[in-house]
C-alpha atoms as a PDB file:
ATOM      1  CA  MET A   1      -6.530  -8.125  13.379  1.00  0.00           C
ATOM      2  CA  SER A   2      -9.177 -10.796  13.682  1.00  0.00           C
ATOM      3  CA  GLY A   3      -8.081 -13.748  15.790  1.00  0.00           C
ATOM      4  CA  TYR A   4      -4.613 -15.159  16.337  1.00  0.00           C
ATOM      5  CA  ALA A   5      -1.882 -14.229  13.846  1.00  0.00           C
ATOM      6  CA  TRP A   6       1.787 -15.225  14.029  1.00  0.00           C
ATOM      7  CA  LEU A   7       4.028 -12.177  13.671  1.00  0.00           C
ATOM      8  CA  GLY A   8       7.801 -12.128  13.557  1.00  0.00           C
ATOM      9  CA  LYS A   9       9.708  -8.852  13.811  1.00  0.00           C
ATOM     10  CA  ILE A  10       7.582  -6.933  11.315  1.00  0.00           C
ATOM     11  CA  SER A  11       7.406  -3.211  10.578  1.00  0.00           C
ATOM     12  CA  ILE A  12       4.348  -1.022  10.022  1.00  0.00           C
ATOM     13  CA  PRO A  13       5.971   2.419   9.652  1.00  0.00           C
ATOM     14  CA  ARG A  14       2.727   4.391   9.353  1.00  0.00           C
ATOM     15  CA  GLN A  15      -1.040   4.134   8.897  1.00  0.00           C
ATOM     16  CA  TRP A  16      -1.307   0.855  10.825  1.00  0.00           C
ATOM     17  CA  SER A  17      -5.105   1.270  10.895  1.00  0.00           C
ATOM     18  CA  ASP A  18      -5.133   0.727   7.077  1.00  0.00           C
ATOM     19  CA  VAL A  19      -3.853  -2.857   7.570  1.00  0.00           C
ATOM     20  CA  SER A  20      -6.111  -5.883   8.081  1.00  0.00           C
ATOM     21  CA  LEU A  21      -4.716  -9.304   9.053  1.00  0.00           C
ATOM     22  CA  GLU A  22      -7.092 -12.241   9.296  1.00  0.00           C
ATOM     23  CA  LYS A  23      -6.980 -15.171  11.694  1.00  0.00           C
ATOM     24  CA  SER A  24      -3.992 -17.524  11.238  1.00  0.00           C
ATOM     25  CA  ALA A  25      -1.997 -15.220   8.942  1.00  0.00           C
ATOM     26  CA  ALA A  26       1.764 -15.606   9.522  1.00  0.00           C
ATOM     27  CA  LEU A  27       4.350 -12.892   8.803  1.00  0.00           C
ATOM     28  CA  ASP A  28       8.027 -13.728   9.258  1.00  0.00           C
ATOM     29  CA  ASP A  29      10.900 -11.458  10.339  1.00  0.00           C
ATOM     30  CA  GLY A  30      11.595  -8.338   8.297  1.00  0.00           C
ATOM     31  CA  VAL A  31       8.162  -8.099   6.640  1.00  0.00           C
ATOM     32  CA  VAL A  32       7.147  -4.462   5.985  1.00  0.00           C
ATOM     33  CA  LEU A  33       3.510  -3.384   5.689  1.00  0.00           C
ATOM     34  CA  LEU A  34       3.618   0.140   4.236  1.00  0.00           C
ATOM     35  CA  CYS A  35       0.530   2.210   3.457  1.00  0.00           C
ATOM     36  CA  SER A  36       0.695   5.674   1.911  1.00  0.00           C
ATOM     37  CA  GLY A  37      -1.767   8.322   0.814  1.00  0.00           C
ATOM     38  CA  ARG A  38      -5.119   9.078   2.366  1.00  0.00           C
ATOM     39  CA  PRO A  39      -5.953   6.757   5.299  1.00  0.00           C
ATOM     40  CA  GLN A  40      -8.415   4.031   4.321  1.00  0.00           C
ATOM     41  CA  LYS A  41      -9.608   0.980   6.234  1.00  0.00           C
ATOM     42  CA  ASN A  42      -8.603  -2.329   4.563  1.00  0.00           C
ATOM     43  CA  LYS A  43      -6.097  -0.715   2.189  1.00  0.00           C
ATOM     44  CA  LEU A  44      -3.793  -3.704   2.799  1.00  0.00           C
ATOM     45  CA  VAL A  45      -5.545  -7.015   3.514  1.00  0.00           C
ATOM     46  CA  ILE A  46      -3.837 -10.359   4.195  1.00  0.00           C
ATOM     47  CA  ARG A  47      -6.361 -13.190   4.443  1.00  0.00           C
ATOM     48  CA  GLY A  48      -6.266 -16.130   6.844  1.00  0.00           C
ATOM     49  CA  GLY A  49      -3.839 -19.009   6.457  1.00  0.00           C
ATOM     50  CA  THR A  50      -1.402 -16.962   4.357  1.00  0.00           C
ATOM     51  CA  TYR A  51       2.330 -17.123   5.101  1.00  0.00           C
ATOM     52  CA  VAL A  52       4.592 -14.198   4.164  1.00  0.00           C
ATOM     53  CA  ASN A  53       8.287 -15.085   4.189  1.00  0.00           C
ATOM     54  CA  ARG A  54      11.228 -12.975   5.394  1.00  0.00           C
ATOM     55  CA  TYR A  55      11.975  -9.465   4.163  1.00  0.00           C
ATOM     56  CA  THR A  56       8.910  -9.110   1.945  1.00  0.00           C
ATOM     57  CA  MET A  57       7.467  -5.612   1.501  1.00  0.00           C
ATOM     58  CA  PHE A  58       3.902  -4.594   0.721  1.00  0.00           C
ATOM     59  CA  ASP A  59       3.583  -0.969  -0.456  1.00  0.00           C
ATOM     60  CA  ALA A  60      -0.105   0.018  -0.722  1.00  0.00           C
ATOM     61  CA  HIS A  61      -1.312   3.356  -2.071  1.00  0.00           C
ATOM     62  CA  GLU A  62      -4.786   2.304  -3.258  1.00  0.00           C
ATOM     63  CA  ARG A  63      -5.440  -1.347  -2.231  1.00  0.00           C
ATOM     64  CA  ILE A  64      -3.575  -4.659  -2.017  1.00  0.00           C
ATOM     65  CA  GLU A  65      -5.386  -7.857  -1.073  1.00  0.00           C
ATOM     66  CA  VAL A  66      -3.704 -11.245  -0.580  1.00  0.00           C
ATOM     67  CA  GLY A  67      -6.057 -14.243  -0.611  1.00  0.00           C
ATOM     68  CA  SER A  68      -6.322 -17.123   1.836  1.00  0.00           C
ATOM     69  CA  TYR A  69      -3.658 -19.846   2.134  1.00  0.00           C
ATOM     70  CA  CYS A  70      -1.071 -18.090  -0.061  1.00  0.00           C
ATOM     71  CA  MET A  71       2.659 -18.555   0.380  1.00  0.00           C
ATOM     72  CA  ILE A  72       4.713 -15.461  -0.460  1.00  0.00           C
ATOM     73  CA  GLY A  73       8.450 -16.105  -0.902  1.00  0.00           C
ATOM     74  CA  PRO A  74      11.287 -14.191   0.765  1.00  0.00           C
ATOM     75  CA  HIS A  75      12.426 -10.767  -0.480  1.00  0.00           C
ATOM     76  CA  CYS A  76       9.293 -10.051  -2.559  1.00  0.00           C
ATOM     77  CA  TYR A  77       8.038  -6.538  -3.273  1.00  0.00           C
ATOM     78  CA  VAL A  78       4.306  -6.092  -3.903  1.00  0.00           C
ATOM     79  CA  THR A  79       2.984  -2.640  -4.806  1.00  0.00           C
ATOM     80  CA  ASP A  80      -0.074  -1.135  -6.434  1.00  0.00           C
ATOM     81  CA  SER A  81       1.624   1.982  -7.827  1.00  0.00           C
ATOM     82  CA  ASP A  82       4.519   3.259  -9.888  1.00  0.00           C
ATOM     83  CA  HIS A  83       5.736   6.421 -11.598  1.00  0.00           C
ATOM     84  CA  SER A  84       4.697   7.015 -15.198  1.00  0.00           C
ATOM     85  CA  MET A  85       7.303   6.842 -17.961  1.00  0.00           C
ATOM     86  CA  GLU A  86       6.698   9.930 -20.090  1.00  0.00           C
ATOM     87  CA  ALA A  87       9.531  10.850 -22.456  1.00  0.00           C
ATOM     88  CA  GLY A  88      11.500  13.931 -21.489  1.00  0.00           C
ATOM     89  CA  LEU A  89      10.545  14.001 -17.787  1.00  0.00           C
ATOM     90  CA  ILE A  90      12.867  12.927 -14.997  1.00  0.00           C
ATOM     91  CA  VAL A  91      11.486  10.194 -12.722  1.00  0.00           C
ATOM     92  CA  GLY A  92      10.897  12.587  -9.819  1.00  0.00           C
ATOM     93  CA  LYS A  93       8.568  14.695 -12.007  1.00  0.00           C
ATOM     94  CA  GLN A  94       6.598  11.744 -13.382  1.00  0.00           C
ATOM     95  CA  PRO A  95       3.008  11.464 -12.109  1.00  0.00           C
ATOM     96  CA  MET A  96       2.180   8.491  -9.891  1.00  0.00           C
ATOM     97  CA  ARG A  97      -0.324   5.937 -11.126  1.00  0.00           C
ATOM     98  CA  SER A  98      -1.950   3.205  -9.079  1.00  0.00           C
ATOM     99  CA  LYS A  99      -4.372   0.353  -9.525  1.00  0.00           C
ATOM    100  CA  ALA A 100      -5.621  -2.160  -6.963  1.00  0.00           C
ATOM    101  CA  VAL A 101      -3.752  -5.484  -6.767  1.00  0.00           C
ATOM    102  CA  SER A 102      -5.395  -8.779  -5.825  1.00  0.00           C
ATOM    103  CA  ILE A 103      -3.544 -12.063  -5.270  1.00  0.00           C
ATOM    104  CA  GLY A 104      -6.016 -14.945  -5.366  1.00  0.00           C
ATOM    105  CA  ASP A 105      -6.406 -17.751  -2.856  1.00  0.00           C
ATOM    106  CA  GLY A 106      -3.491 -20.178  -2.621  1.00  0.00           C
ATOM    107  CA  TYR A 107      -5.572 -23.279  -3.244  1.00  0.00           C
ATOM    108  CA  GLY A 108      -6.944 -22.094  -6.602  1.00  0.00           C
ATOM    109  CA  LEU A 109      -9.953 -23.998  -7.862  1.00  0.00           C
ATOM    110  CA  ALA A 110      -9.093 -27.274  -6.118  1.00  0.00           C
ATOM    111  CA  PRO A 111     -11.156 -28.086  -3.030  1.00  0.00           C
ATOM    112  CA  VAL A 112      -9.340 -27.951   0.280  1.00  0.00           C
ATOM    113  CA  SER A 113      -9.298 -31.297   2.044  1.00  0.00           C
ATOM    114  CA  SER A 114      -7.710 -32.563   5.223  1.00  0.00           C
ATOM    115  CA  PHE A 115      -5.481 -35.629   5.314  1.00  0.00           C
END
């Protein structure tokens, strides 16, 4: 964590050292930050000024990055992996596949100004 972050009753079940929260990030009650696989610094990054609403889950196997000043709604599920869908194989036997996920900054291309 870098600087002050507002945290409700969140859960980081394992690999907490893979998670990076920047200054002024806010995570509401019930947010889950889950990292799996080989430990890796900055596997799950939430940039400054971002608000994550209640009961949202991040499930990072490779890398998930959320930009600055984003607003994530309640009950969202963000993951970077899934099982394959090969014909004739049950889900539990399907190989996992993953690819990094990046959610851009919440203010897009517009300049940020104060009122």
